[in-house]
């Protein structure tokens, strides 16, 4: 039996999701709440295997809740279930280690399958989101997908071992203080290194550092 929790601020939709999933004999809905704070309480009390999170919620949004869930219960699978597929959301969601991104126009049977796939440690991505990721992180050559070439990995020369450790922790959703504590540096040192990386690569923010690292094979 797969234990599932749901967080969505739209009451009717939340009830529909609960009924839809509960109809499957292999799924038990152990919590259904309306914001990103309440879902943390459900995770603490009921320890769901899979969590469905909306992105736009009061108190704490889905991306913030996702990061906190992954920090406290890293084995919990989290699927973002949303009407939005804005590019910034997609990058932020996967930088925070989501296990899938599904749009709300998905068919009921497909959603049930997505939950079961997530429980089996498979990443589930809606086709529109997958297409965006291909455009962003891959190079299409004659209809096939190739990884960036060695010549494209300029980040290997630009960033040292400590920089790459910082980038990996940023990709896990860690804040500067958490990164500093993990690597045993002062928080100001971490901040300065991130600023230097941004300037060296001509990037705008932390999310773009992760994207750059993915594109150049540094993660």
N, C-alpha and C. Protein backbone atom coordinates (compact mmCIF):
# COMPACT_ATOMS: atom_id res chain seq x y z
N UNK A 1 0.84 -1.20 0.00
CA UNK A 1 0.00 0.00 0.00
C UNK A 1 0.87 1.24 0.00
N UNK A 2 0.65 2.13 -0.96
CA UNK A 2 1.43 3.36 -1.06
C UNK A 2 0.73 4.47 -0.28
N UNK A 3 1.41 5.04 0.70
CA UNK A 3 0.85 6.13 1.50
C UNK A 3 1.11 7.46 0.79
N UNK A 4 0.02 8.20 0.55
CA UNK A 4 0.12 9.44 -0.23
C UNK A 4 -0.46 10.60 0.58
N UNK A 5 0.19 11.76 0.49
CA UNK A 5 -0.34 12.99 1.08
C UNK A 5 -0.49 14.04 -0.02
N UNK A 6 -1.48 14.91 0.15
CA UNK A 6 -1.80 15.92 -0.86
C UNK A 6 -1.79 17.31 -0.23
N UNK A 7 -1.20 18.28 -0.93
CA UNK A 7 -1.27 19.67 -0.49
C UNK A 7 -1.70 20.54 -1.67
N UNK A 8 -2.88 21.14 -1.54
CA UNK A 8 -3.42 22.02 -2.59
C UNK A 8 -4.43 22.94 -1.92
N UNK A 9 -4.35 24.24 -2.22
CA UNK A 9 -5.24 25.17 -1.52
C UNK A 9 -6.64 25.23 -2.10
N UNK A 10 -6.89 24.55 -3.21
CA UNK A 10 -8.23 24.49 -3.78
C UNK A 10 -8.97 23.28 -3.20
N UNK A 11 -9.94 23.54 -2.35
CA UNK A 11 -10.59 22.47 -1.59
C UNK A 11 -11.24 21.43 -2.49
N UNK A 12 -12.00 21.89 -3.48
CA UNK A 12 -12.70 20.95 -4.35
C UNK A 12 -11.73 20.06 -5.10
N UNK A 13 -10.68 20.65 -5.65
CA UNK A 13 -9.68 19.86 -6.38
C UNK A 13 -8.99 18.87 -5.45
N UNK A 14 -8.70 19.32 -4.24
CA UNK A 14 -8.04 18.44 -3.27
C UNK A 14 -8.91 17.24 -2.95
N UNK A 15 -10.20 17.47 -2.78
CA UNK A 15 -11.12 16.37 -2.49
C UNK A 15 -11.24 15.42 -3.68
N UNK A 16 -11.21 15.99 -4.88
CA UNK A 16 -11.27 15.15 -6.08
C UNK A 16 -10.01 14.28 -6.20
N UNK A 17 -8.87 14.87 -5.91
CA UNK A 17 -7.62 14.11 -5.96
C UNK A 17 -7.63 12.99 -4.93
N UNK A 18 -8.12 13.30 -3.74
CA UNK A 18 -8.18 12.29 -2.68
C UNK A 18 -9.08 11.13 -3.09
N UNK A 19 -10.26 11.45 -3.63
CA UNK A 19 -11.20 10.40 -4.06
C UNK A 19 -10.61 9.58 -5.21
N UNK A 20 -9.96 10.26 -6.14
CA UNK A 20 -9.38 9.60 -7.30
C UNK A 20 -8.30 8.60 -6.89
N UNK A 21 -7.43 9.02 -6.00
CA UNK A 21 -6.33 8.14 -5.59
C UNK A 21 -6.81 7.04 -4.65
N UNK A 22 -7.75 7.37 -3.77
CA UNK A 22 -8.25 6.37 -2.82
C UNK A 22 -9.02 5.25 -3.51
N UNK A 23 -9.49 5.51 -4.72
CA UNK A 23 -10.23 4.48 -5.46
C UNK A 23 -9.32 3.34 -5.89
N UNK A 24 -8.02 3.60 -5.91
CA UNK A 24 -7.08 2.53 -6.28
C UNK A 24 -6.76 1.70 -5.04
N UNK A 25 -6.89 0.39 -5.10
CA UNK A 25 -6.66 -0.45 -3.91
C UNK A 25 -5.22 -0.45 -3.42
N UNK A 26 -4.30 0.03 -4.24
CA UNK A 26 -2.90 0.05 -3.85
C UNK A 26 -2.44 1.37 -3.25
N UNK A 27 -3.39 2.32 -3.07
CA UNK A 27 -3.02 3.65 -2.58
C UNK A 27 -3.88 4.02 -1.37
N UNK A 28 -3.25 4.58 -0.35
CA UNK A 28 -3.95 5.10 0.82
C UNK A 28 -3.59 6.58 0.99
N UNK A 29 -4.58 7.46 0.97
CA UNK A 29 -4.34 8.89 1.20
C UNK A 29 -4.31 9.11 2.71
N UNK A 30 -3.14 9.49 3.24
CA UNK A 30 -2.98 9.62 4.69
C UNK A 30 -3.06 11.07 5.16
N UNK A 31 -3.21 12.00 4.22
CA UNK A 31 -3.34 13.41 4.59
C UNK A 31 -3.70 14.25 3.39
N UNK A 32 -4.53 15.27 3.62
CA UNK A 32 -4.96 16.17 2.55
C UNK A 32 -5.13 17.56 3.15
N UNK A 33 -4.22 18.49 2.79
CA UNK A 33 -4.17 19.80 3.45
C UNK A 33 -4.07 20.92 2.41
N UNK A 34 -4.11 22.17 2.92
CA UNK A 34 -4.24 23.30 2.02
C UNK A 34 -3.04 24.20 1.88
N UNK A 35 -1.92 23.90 2.55
CA UNK A 35 -0.76 24.78 2.37
C UNK A 35 0.54 24.05 2.68
N UNK A 36 1.65 24.75 2.42
CA UNK A 36 2.97 24.15 2.55
C UNK A 36 3.44 23.93 3.96
N UNK A 37 2.82 24.59 4.94
CA UNK A 37 3.16 24.36 6.34
C UNK A 37 2.46 23.10 6.86
N UNK A 38 1.18 22.97 6.55
CA UNK A 38 0.41 21.82 7.02
C UNK A 38 0.95 20.50 6.46
N UNK A 39 1.47 20.53 5.23
CA UNK A 39 1.95 19.28 4.65
C UNK A 39 3.18 18.78 5.40
N UNK A 40 3.97 19.68 5.99
CA UNK A 40 5.11 19.26 6.79
C UNK A 40 4.64 18.54 8.06
N UNK A 41 3.54 19.01 8.62
CA UNK A 41 2.97 18.36 9.80
C UNK A 41 2.47 16.96 9.45
N UNK A 42 1.86 16.83 8.27
CA UNK A 42 1.39 15.52 7.81
C UNK A 42 2.58 14.57 7.62
N UNK A 43 3.65 15.08 7.00
CA UNK A 43 4.83 14.24 6.78
C UNK A 43 5.43 13.78 8.10
N UNK A 44 5.43 14.65 9.09
CA UNK A 44 5.96 14.29 10.40
C UNK A 44 5.11 13.23 11.08
N UNK A 45 3.80 13.38 10.99
CA UNK A 45 2.90 12.49 11.71
C UNK A 45 2.62 11.17 10.98
N UNK A 46 2.51 11.23 9.65
CA UNK A 46 2.04 10.05 8.90
C UNK A 46 3.09 9.43 7.99
N UNK A 47 4.18 10.13 7.75
CA UNK A 47 5.28 9.64 6.92
C UNK A 47 4.80 9.04 5.58
N UNK A 48 4.20 9.86 4.74
CA UNK A 48 3.78 9.36 3.42
C UNK A 48 4.99 8.98 2.57
N UNK A 49 4.78 8.03 1.67
CA UNK A 49 5.85 7.66 0.73
C UNK A 49 5.90 8.62 -0.44
N UNK A 50 4.73 9.14 -0.84
CA UNK A 50 4.64 10.06 -1.97
C UNK A 50 3.82 11.28 -1.55
N UNK A 51 4.29 12.47 -1.90
CA UNK A 51 3.56 13.70 -1.61
C UNK A 51 3.26 14.41 -2.93
N UNK A 52 2.00 14.84 -3.09
CA UNK A 52 1.60 15.66 -4.23
C UNK A 52 1.53 17.10 -3.76
N UNK A 53 2.29 17.98 -4.41
CA UNK A 53 2.35 19.38 -3.99
C UNK A 53 1.94 20.31 -5.12
N UNK A 54 1.03 21.25 -4.81
CA UNK A 54 0.78 22.35 -5.73
C UNK A 54 1.91 23.36 -5.55
N UNK A 55 2.19 24.16 -6.57
CA UNK A 55 3.25 25.17 -6.45
C UNK A 55 2.73 26.42 -5.76
N UNK A 56 1.57 26.92 -6.19
CA UNK A 56 1.04 28.16 -5.66
C UNK A 56 0.13 27.88 -4.46
N UNK A 57 0.66 28.10 -3.24
CA UNK A 57 -0.12 27.89 -2.03
C UNK A 57 0.21 28.98 -1.02
N UNK A 58 -0.72 29.26 -0.09
CA UNK A 58 -0.43 30.25 0.96
C UNK A 58 0.50 29.67 2.03
N UNK A 59 0.91 30.53 2.95
CA UNK A 59 1.78 30.18 4.08
C UNK A 59 3.18 29.80 3.61
N UNK A 60 3.31 28.69 2.92
CA UNK A 60 4.58 28.31 2.29
C UNK A 60 4.22 27.67 0.97
N UNK A 61 4.85 28.11 -0.12
CA UNK A 61 4.48 27.56 -1.42
C UNK A 61 5.06 26.16 -1.60
N UNK A 62 4.69 25.54 -2.72
CA UNK A 62 5.09 24.16 -2.94
C UNK A 62 6.58 23.95 -3.06
N UNK A 63 7.30 24.92 -3.65
CA UNK A 63 8.74 24.76 -3.83
C UNK A 63 9.44 24.83 -2.47
N UNK A 64 8.98 25.73 -1.61
CA UNK A 64 9.55 25.81 -0.27
C UNK A 64 9.26 24.54 0.52
N UNK A 65 8.03 24.06 0.43
CA UNK A 65 7.67 22.82 1.12
C UNK A 65 8.48 21.64 0.59
N UNK A 66 8.68 21.60 -0.72
CA UNK A 66 9.49 20.55 -1.34
C UNK A 66 10.89 20.52 -0.75
N UNK A 67 11.52 21.68 -0.68
CA UNK A 67 12.89 21.75 -0.14
C UNK A 67 12.95 21.27 1.30
N UNK A 68 11.94 21.64 2.08
CA UNK A 68 11.93 21.23 3.50
C UNK A 68 11.68 19.74 3.65
N UNK A 69 10.79 19.21 2.82
CA UNK A 69 10.53 17.76 2.87
C UNK A 69 11.79 16.98 2.52
N UNK A 70 12.48 17.40 1.47
CA UNK A 70 13.68 16.69 1.04
C UNK A 70 14.81 16.82 2.07
N UNK A 71 14.82 17.91 2.80
CA UNK A 71 15.84 18.08 3.84
C UNK A 71 15.58 17.16 5.03
N UNK A 72 14.29 17.06 5.43
CA UNK A 72 13.95 16.29 6.62
C UNK A 72 13.70 14.82 6.33
N UNK A 73 13.09 14.53 5.18
CA UNK A 73 12.74 13.14 4.83
C UNK A 73 13.18 12.87 3.39
N UNK A 74 14.48 12.74 3.14
CA UNK A 74 14.98 12.63 1.77
C UNK A 74 14.44 11.44 0.99
N UNK A 75 13.99 10.40 1.68
CA UNK A 75 13.46 9.24 0.97
C UNK A 75 12.03 9.45 0.46
N UNK A 76 11.34 10.48 0.96
CA UNK A 76 9.98 10.76 0.51
C UNK A 76 9.98 11.26 -0.92
N UNK A 77 9.12 10.70 -1.74
CA UNK A 77 9.01 11.11 -3.14
C UNK A 77 8.01 12.27 -3.24
N UNK A 78 8.39 13.30 -3.99
CA UNK A 78 7.53 14.48 -4.11
C UNK A 78 7.25 14.77 -5.57
N UNK A 79 5.96 14.76 -5.91
CA UNK A 79 5.51 15.12 -7.26
C UNK A 79 4.86 16.50 -7.20
N UNK A 80 5.31 17.41 -8.05
CA UNK A 80 4.66 18.71 -8.17
C UNK A 80 3.48 18.55 -9.12
N UNK A 81 2.29 18.89 -8.65
CA UNK A 81 1.06 18.77 -9.45
C UNK A 81 0.48 20.17 -9.57
N UNK A 82 0.57 20.77 -10.74
CA UNK A 82 0.25 22.19 -10.86
C UNK A 82 -0.36 22.53 -12.21
N UNK A 83 -1.04 23.66 -12.27
CA UNK A 83 -1.56 24.17 -13.55
C UNK A 83 -0.50 24.98 -14.28
N UNK A 84 0.61 25.28 -13.59
CA UNK A 84 1.64 26.16 -14.15
C UNK A 84 2.79 25.34 -14.73
N UNK A 85 3.35 25.82 -15.83
CA UNK A 85 4.60 25.24 -16.32
C UNK A 85 5.54 26.35 -16.77
N UNK A 86 5.65 27.38 -15.90
CA UNK A 86 6.57 28.46 -16.17
C UNK A 86 8.01 27.94 -16.08
N UNK A 87 8.87 28.46 -16.94
CA UNK A 87 10.23 27.95 -17.01
C UNK A 87 10.96 28.09 -15.68
N UNK A 88 10.79 29.23 -14.99
CA UNK A 88 11.47 29.42 -13.71
C UNK A 88 11.02 28.37 -12.69
N UNK A 89 9.72 28.06 -12.68
CA UNK A 89 9.22 27.04 -11.76
C UNK A 89 9.88 25.70 -12.02
N UNK A 90 10.01 25.34 -13.28
CA UNK A 90 10.59 24.05 -13.63
C UNK A 90 12.01 23.94 -13.10
N UNK A 91 12.81 24.97 -13.34
CA UNK A 91 14.20 24.95 -12.87
C UNK A 91 14.25 24.90 -11.34
N UNK A 92 13.45 25.72 -10.68
CA UNK A 92 13.46 25.76 -9.22
C UNK A 92 13.02 24.42 -8.62
N UNK A 93 12.02 23.80 -9.23
CA UNK A 93 11.49 22.53 -8.73
C UNK A 93 12.56 21.44 -8.78
N UNK A 94 13.25 21.32 -9.89
CA UNK A 94 14.24 20.25 -9.99
C UNK A 94 15.53 20.59 -9.25
N UNK A 95 15.81 21.88 -9.10
CA UNK A 95 16.95 22.27 -8.25
C UNK A 95 16.69 21.88 -6.80
N UNK A 96 15.41 21.84 -6.41
CA UNK A 96 15.03 21.45 -5.05
C UNK A 96 14.80 19.94 -4.93
N UNK A 97 15.13 19.18 -5.97
CA UNK A 97 15.13 17.71 -5.97
C UNK A 97 13.74 17.08 -6.02
N UNK A 98 12.84 17.67 -6.81
CA UNK A 98 11.53 17.04 -7.01
C UNK A 98 11.70 15.71 -7.73
N UNK A 99 10.74 14.81 -7.50
CA UNK A 99 10.76 13.50 -8.17
C UNK A 99 9.84 13.46 -9.38
N UNK A 100 9.22 14.60 -9.68
CA UNK A 100 8.36 14.65 -10.86
C UNK A 100 7.63 15.97 -10.95
N UNK A 101 7.12 16.26 -12.13
CA UNK A 101 6.42 17.52 -12.40
C UNK A 101 5.27 17.17 -13.34
N UNK A 102 4.05 17.23 -12.82
CA UNK A 102 2.87 16.81 -13.58
C UNK A 102 1.86 17.97 -13.62
N UNK A 103 1.30 18.23 -14.79
CA UNK A 103 0.30 19.27 -14.92
C UNK A 103 -1.08 18.72 -14.56
N UNK A 104 -1.96 19.60 -14.08
CA UNK A 104 -3.25 19.17 -13.55
C UNK A 104 -4.25 18.71 -14.61
N UNK A 105 -3.91 18.87 -15.88
CA UNK A 105 -4.81 18.36 -16.90
C UNK A 105 -4.54 16.88 -17.21
N UNK A 106 -3.72 16.24 -16.37
CA UNK A 106 -3.42 14.83 -16.54
C UNK A 106 -4.67 13.99 -16.32
N UNK A 107 -4.79 12.88 -17.02
CA UNK A 107 -5.92 11.97 -16.85
C UNK A 107 -5.82 11.25 -15.51
N UNK A 108 -6.96 10.91 -14.88
CA UNK A 108 -6.92 10.25 -13.57
C UNK A 108 -6.06 9.00 -13.53
N UNK A 109 -6.19 8.15 -14.55
CA UNK A 109 -5.40 6.92 -14.55
C UNK A 109 -3.90 7.20 -14.69
N UNK A 110 -3.57 8.29 -15.39
CA UNK A 110 -2.16 8.66 -15.54
C UNK A 110 -1.59 9.18 -14.22
N UNK A 111 -2.42 9.89 -13.46
CA UNK A 111 -1.96 10.39 -12.16
C UNK A 111 -1.70 9.22 -11.21
N UNK A 112 -2.59 8.25 -11.20
CA UNK A 112 -2.39 7.07 -10.36
C UNK A 112 -1.09 6.37 -10.75
N UNK A 113 -0.85 6.25 -12.05
CA UNK A 113 0.37 5.63 -12.53
C UNK A 113 1.60 6.44 -12.12
N UNK A 114 1.48 7.78 -12.17
CA UNK A 114 2.60 8.64 -11.78
C UNK A 114 2.96 8.42 -10.32
N UNK A 115 1.96 8.31 -9.46
CA UNK A 115 2.19 8.06 -8.04
C UNK A 115 2.90 6.72 -7.85
N UNK A 116 2.46 5.71 -8.55
CA UNK A 116 3.06 4.38 -8.41
C UNK A 116 4.49 4.38 -8.94
N UNK A 117 4.73 5.11 -10.03
CA UNK A 117 6.10 5.20 -10.57
C UNK A 117 7.02 5.90 -9.58
N UNK A 118 6.54 7.00 -9.00
CA UNK A 118 7.35 7.72 -8.02
C UNK A 118 7.70 6.84 -6.83
N UNK A 119 6.73 6.05 -6.38
CA UNK A 119 6.96 5.14 -5.26
C UNK A 119 8.02 4.10 -5.59
N UNK A 120 8.16 3.80 -6.88
CA UNK A 120 9.17 2.82 -7.32
C UNK A 120 10.48 3.49 -7.71
N UNK A 121 10.65 4.74 -7.30
CA UNK A 121 11.90 5.49 -7.51
C UNK A 121 12.12 5.88 -8.97
N UNK A 122 11.02 6.12 -9.69
CA UNK A 122 11.10 6.62 -11.06
C UNK A 122 10.69 8.09 -11.09
N UNK A 123 11.38 8.89 -11.87
CA UNK A 123 11.03 10.30 -12.02
C UNK A 123 9.95 10.43 -13.09
N UNK A 124 8.91 11.20 -12.79
CA UNK A 124 7.77 11.36 -13.70
C UNK A 124 7.69 12.81 -14.14
N UNK A 125 7.73 13.03 -15.45
CA UNK A 125 7.73 14.40 -15.97
C UNK A 125 6.70 14.51 -17.09
N UNK A 126 5.83 15.52 -16.98
CA UNK A 126 4.83 15.78 -18.01
C UNK A 126 5.54 16.11 -19.32
N UNK A 127 4.95 15.72 -20.45
CA UNK A 127 5.58 15.90 -21.75
C UNK A 127 6.01 17.34 -22.01
N UNK A 128 5.19 18.33 -21.69
CA UNK A 128 5.56 19.72 -21.93
C UNK A 128 6.80 20.11 -21.13
N UNK A 129 6.89 19.61 -19.92
CA UNK A 129 8.04 19.90 -19.07
C UNK A 129 9.28 19.19 -19.60
N UNK A 130 9.10 17.94 -20.01
CA UNK A 130 10.20 17.16 -20.59
C UNK A 130 10.76 17.85 -21.83
N UNK A 131 9.89 18.35 -22.68
CA UNK A 131 10.33 19.04 -23.89
C UNK A 131 11.15 20.28 -23.55
N UNK A 132 10.71 20.99 -22.52
CA UNK A 132 11.47 22.17 -22.09
C UNK A 132 12.86 21.78 -21.59
N UNK A 133 12.92 20.71 -20.78
CA UNK A 133 14.21 20.27 -20.26
C UNK A 133 15.16 19.84 -21.38
N UNK A 134 14.62 19.19 -22.40
CA UNK A 134 15.45 18.80 -23.53
C UNK A 134 16.03 20.03 -24.22
N UNK A 135 15.19 21.04 -24.42
CA UNK A 135 15.67 22.26 -25.07
C UNK A 135 16.72 22.96 -24.24
N UNK A 136 16.56 22.88 -22.92
CA UNK A 136 17.43 23.64 -22.02
C UNK A 136 18.77 22.97 -21.78
N UNK A 137 18.76 21.66 -21.60
CA UNK A 137 19.97 21.00 -21.14
C UNK A 137 20.63 20.07 -22.16
N UNK A 138 20.05 19.93 -23.34
CA UNK A 138 20.59 18.99 -24.32
C UNK A 138 20.85 19.69 -25.64
N UNK A 139 21.62 19.04 -26.48
CA UNK A 139 21.90 19.54 -27.82
C UNK A 139 21.37 18.52 -28.80
N UNK A 140 20.42 18.94 -29.65
CA UNK A 140 19.84 18.02 -30.63
C UNK A 140 20.75 17.94 -31.86
N UNK A 141 21.13 16.71 -32.21
CA UNK A 141 21.97 16.51 -33.39
C UNK A 141 21.35 15.41 -34.24
N UNK A 142 20.78 15.80 -35.37
CA UNK A 142 20.19 14.82 -36.27
C UNK A 142 19.09 14.00 -35.64
N UNK A 143 18.31 14.61 -34.74
CA UNK A 143 17.22 13.90 -34.10
C UNK A 143 17.64 13.09 -32.90
N UNK A 144 18.94 13.05 -32.61
CA UNK A 144 19.42 12.33 -31.44
C UNK A 144 19.91 13.33 -30.40
N UNK A 145 19.99 12.91 -29.17
CA UNK A 145 20.40 13.79 -28.08
C UNK A 145 21.83 13.44 -27.68
N UNK A 146 22.69 14.46 -27.68
CA UNK A 146 24.08 14.24 -27.27
C UNK A 146 24.40 15.11 -26.09
N UNK A 147 25.32 14.64 -25.26
CA UNK A 147 25.76 15.43 -24.12
C UNK A 147 26.72 16.50 -24.61
N UNK A 148 26.89 17.58 -23.84
CA UNK A 148 27.85 18.61 -24.23
C UNK A 148 29.24 18.01 -24.42
N UNK A 149 29.96 18.48 -25.40
CA UNK A 149 31.29 17.96 -25.69
C UNK A 149 32.28 18.42 -24.65
N UNK A 150 33.47 17.82 -24.67
CA UNK A 150 34.50 18.20 -23.71
C UNK A 150 34.87 19.67 -23.86
N UNK A 151 34.83 20.17 -25.12
CA UNK A 151 35.17 21.57 -25.33
C UNK A 151 34.18 22.50 -24.64
N UNK A 152 32.95 22.01 -24.44
CA UNK A 152 31.92 22.85 -23.84
C UNK A 152 31.98 22.89 -22.33
N UNK A 153 32.86 22.08 -21.74
CA UNK A 153 32.90 21.99 -20.28
C UNK A 153 33.88 23.01 -19.71
N UNK A 154 33.67 24.27 -20.06
CA UNK A 154 34.58 25.29 -19.60
C UNK A 154 34.53 25.46 -18.09
N UNK A 155 33.45 24.99 -17.44
CA UNK A 155 33.34 25.13 -16.00
C UNK A 155 34.39 24.35 -15.23
N UNK A 156 34.95 23.28 -15.85
CA UNK A 156 35.95 22.48 -15.15
C UNK A 156 37.19 23.32 -14.85
N UNK A 157 37.55 24.22 -15.76
CA UNK A 157 38.69 25.09 -15.54
C UNK A 157 38.31 26.31 -14.71
N UNK A 158 37.04 26.72 -14.79
CA UNK A 158 36.58 27.94 -14.14
C UNK A 158 36.33 27.74 -12.66
N UNK A 159 35.84 26.55 -12.27
CA UNK A 159 35.46 26.28 -10.89
C UNK A 159 36.34 25.19 -10.28
N UNK A 160 36.82 25.41 -9.06
CA UNK A 160 37.64 24.41 -8.40
C UNK A 160 36.77 23.41 -7.64
N UNK A 161 37.42 22.51 -6.89
CA UNK A 161 36.69 21.45 -6.18
C UNK A 161 35.71 22.01 -5.16
N UNK A 162 36.12 23.05 -4.43
CA UNK A 162 35.23 23.65 -3.44
C UNK A 162 34.03 24.29 -4.13
N UNK A 163 34.28 24.99 -5.25
CA UNK A 163 33.18 25.60 -5.99
C UNK A 163 32.14 24.54 -6.39
N UNK A 164 32.63 23.41 -6.86
CA UNK A 164 31.72 22.36 -7.32
C UNK A 164 30.93 21.76 -6.15
N UNK A 165 31.58 21.67 -5.00
CA UNK A 165 30.86 21.19 -3.81
C UNK A 165 29.74 22.16 -3.44
N UNK A 166 30.04 23.46 -3.54
CA UNK A 166 29.03 24.47 -3.25
C UNK A 166 27.88 24.37 -4.24
N UNK A 167 28.20 24.17 -5.52
CA UNK A 167 27.16 24.05 -6.55
C UNK A 167 26.26 22.85 -6.27
N UNK A 168 26.85 21.72 -5.87
CA UNK A 168 26.05 20.53 -5.57
C UNK A 168 25.09 20.81 -4.41
N UNK A 169 25.55 21.52 -3.41
CA UNK A 169 24.69 21.84 -2.27
C UNK A 169 23.61 22.86 -2.65
N UNK A 170 23.93 23.80 -3.54
CA UNK A 170 22.91 24.71 -4.05
C UNK A 170 21.83 23.92 -4.77
N UNK A 171 22.26 22.93 -5.57
CA UNK A 171 21.30 22.10 -6.31
C UNK A 171 20.40 21.31 -5.37
N UNK A 172 20.87 21.04 -4.15
CA UNK A 172 20.06 20.33 -3.16
C UNK A 172 19.13 21.27 -2.40
N UNK A 173 19.21 22.56 -2.74
CA UNK A 173 18.32 23.53 -2.10
C UNK A 173 18.86 24.10 -0.80
N UNK A 174 20.16 23.97 -0.54
CA UNK A 174 20.74 24.46 0.71
C UNK A 174 20.96 25.98 0.65
N UNK A 175 20.76 26.64 1.79
CA UNK A 175 21.04 28.07 1.89
C UNK A 175 22.53 28.26 2.20
N UNK A 176 23.00 29.52 2.17
CA UNK A 176 24.42 29.79 2.39
C UNK A 176 24.91 29.27 3.74
N UNK A 177 24.09 29.45 4.79
CA UNK A 177 24.51 28.99 6.13
C UNK A 177 24.66 27.48 6.16
N UNK A 178 23.71 26.77 5.55
CA UNK A 178 23.78 25.31 5.53
C UNK A 178 24.99 24.83 4.74
N UNK A 179 25.29 25.51 3.64
CA UNK A 179 26.47 25.16 2.84
C UNK A 179 27.74 25.39 3.67
N UNK A 180 27.79 26.54 4.34
CA UNK A 180 28.96 26.86 5.16
C UNK A 180 29.16 25.82 6.27
N UNK A 181 28.07 25.43 6.95
CA UNK A 181 28.17 24.43 8.01
C UNK A 181 28.63 23.08 7.47
N UNK A 182 28.12 22.71 6.30
CA UNK A 182 28.48 21.41 5.71
C UNK A 182 29.95 21.37 5.30
N UNK A 183 30.44 22.45 4.72
CA UNK A 183 31.81 22.48 4.20
C UNK A 183 32.82 23.06 5.21
N UNK A 184 32.30 23.49 6.38
CA UNK A 184 33.16 24.04 7.43
C UNK A 184 33.87 25.32 6.98
N UNK A 185 33.10 26.21 6.38
CA UNK A 185 33.59 27.52 5.99
C UNK A 185 32.73 28.58 6.70
N UNK A 186 33.24 29.81 6.71
CA UNK A 186 32.41 30.92 7.18
C UNK A 186 31.34 31.21 6.14
N UNK A 187 30.18 31.66 6.62
CA UNK A 187 29.09 31.96 5.70
C UNK A 187 29.51 33.03 4.69
N UNK A 188 30.30 34.00 5.13
CA UNK A 188 30.77 35.05 4.23
C UNK A 188 31.66 34.50 3.13
N UNK A 189 32.44 33.46 3.44
CA UNK A 189 33.30 32.84 2.42
C UNK A 189 32.45 32.20 1.34
N UNK A 190 31.40 31.50 1.75
CA UNK A 190 30.50 30.86 0.78
C UNK A 190 29.84 31.93 -0.09
N UNK A 191 29.36 32.99 0.54
CA UNK A 191 28.72 34.07 -0.21
C UNK A 191 29.67 34.67 -1.23
N UNK A 192 30.91 34.89 -0.82
CA UNK A 192 31.90 35.48 -1.73
C UNK A 192 32.23 34.55 -2.88
N UNK A 193 32.32 33.25 -2.59
CA UNK A 193 32.60 32.29 -3.66
C UNK A 193 31.46 32.24 -4.67
N UNK A 194 30.23 32.27 -4.18
CA UNK A 194 29.09 32.25 -5.09
C UNK A 194 29.09 33.51 -5.95
N UNK A 195 29.37 34.65 -5.36
CA UNK A 195 29.44 35.91 -6.12
C UNK A 195 30.52 35.84 -7.18
N UNK A 196 31.67 35.24 -6.82
CA UNK A 196 32.76 35.12 -7.79
C UNK A 196 32.38 34.19 -8.94
N UNK A 197 31.69 33.09 -8.62
CA UNK A 197 31.26 32.16 -9.68
C UNK A 197 30.28 32.83 -10.64
N UNK A 198 29.35 33.59 -10.07
CA UNK A 198 28.38 34.30 -10.90
C UNK A 198 29.09 35.26 -11.84
N UNK A 199 30.05 36.01 -11.31
CA UNK A 199 30.76 36.99 -12.13
C UNK A 199 31.63 36.30 -13.18
N UNK A 200 32.30 35.21 -12.80
CA UNK A 200 33.21 34.52 -13.72
C UNK A 200 32.48 33.92 -14.92
N UNK A 201 31.28 33.39 -14.66
CA UNK A 201 30.53 32.73 -15.73
C UNK A 201 29.50 33.64 -16.38
N UNK A 202 29.37 34.87 -15.87
CA UNK A 202 28.39 35.79 -16.43
C UNK A 202 26.96 35.36 -16.17
N UNK A 203 26.71 34.83 -14.96
CA UNK A 203 25.39 34.31 -14.61
C UNK A 203 24.67 35.29 -13.69
N UNK A 204 23.33 35.12 -13.60
CA UNK A 204 22.52 36.08 -12.86
C UNK A 204 22.24 35.68 -11.42
N UNK A 205 22.02 34.38 -11.16
CA UNK A 205 21.62 33.97 -9.83
C UNK A 205 22.02 32.51 -9.56
N UNK A 206 21.66 32.02 -8.38
CA UNK A 206 22.04 30.67 -7.97
C UNK A 206 21.44 29.60 -8.88
N UNK A 207 20.21 29.82 -9.32
CA UNK A 207 19.58 28.85 -10.21
C UNK A 207 20.37 28.69 -11.50
N UNK A 208 20.88 29.81 -12.01
CA UNK A 208 21.65 29.75 -13.25
C UNK A 208 23.00 29.05 -13.04
N UNK A 209 23.54 29.10 -11.82
CA UNK A 209 24.76 28.33 -11.54
C UNK A 209 24.48 26.84 -11.71
N UNK A 210 23.35 26.37 -11.17
CA UNK A 210 22.99 24.95 -11.29
C UNK A 210 22.78 24.58 -12.75
N UNK A 211 22.07 25.42 -13.50
CA UNK A 211 21.84 25.16 -14.92
C UNK A 211 23.16 25.09 -15.68
N UNK A 212 24.07 26.03 -15.38
CA UNK A 212 25.39 26.04 -16.02
C UNK A 212 26.15 24.75 -15.71
N UNK A 213 26.09 24.33 -14.44
CA UNK A 213 26.79 23.12 -14.03
C UNK A 213 26.23 21.88 -14.73
N UNK A 214 24.91 21.80 -14.85
CA UNK A 214 24.28 20.69 -15.55
C UNK A 214 24.70 20.66 -17.01
N UNK A 215 24.68 21.81 -17.65
CA UNK A 215 25.01 21.91 -19.07
C UNK A 215 26.45 21.53 -19.33
N UNK A 216 27.33 21.80 -18.38
CA UNK A 216 28.77 21.55 -18.58
C UNK A 216 29.25 20.30 -17.87
N UNK A 217 28.33 19.45 -17.43
CA UNK A 217 28.71 18.17 -16.86
C UNK A 217 29.41 18.23 -15.53
N UNK A 218 29.11 19.29 -14.73
CA UNK A 218 29.77 19.42 -13.44
C UNK A 218 28.97 18.82 -12.29
N UNK A 219 27.75 18.37 -12.55
CA UNK A 219 26.92 17.74 -11.52
C UNK A 219 26.65 16.30 -11.88
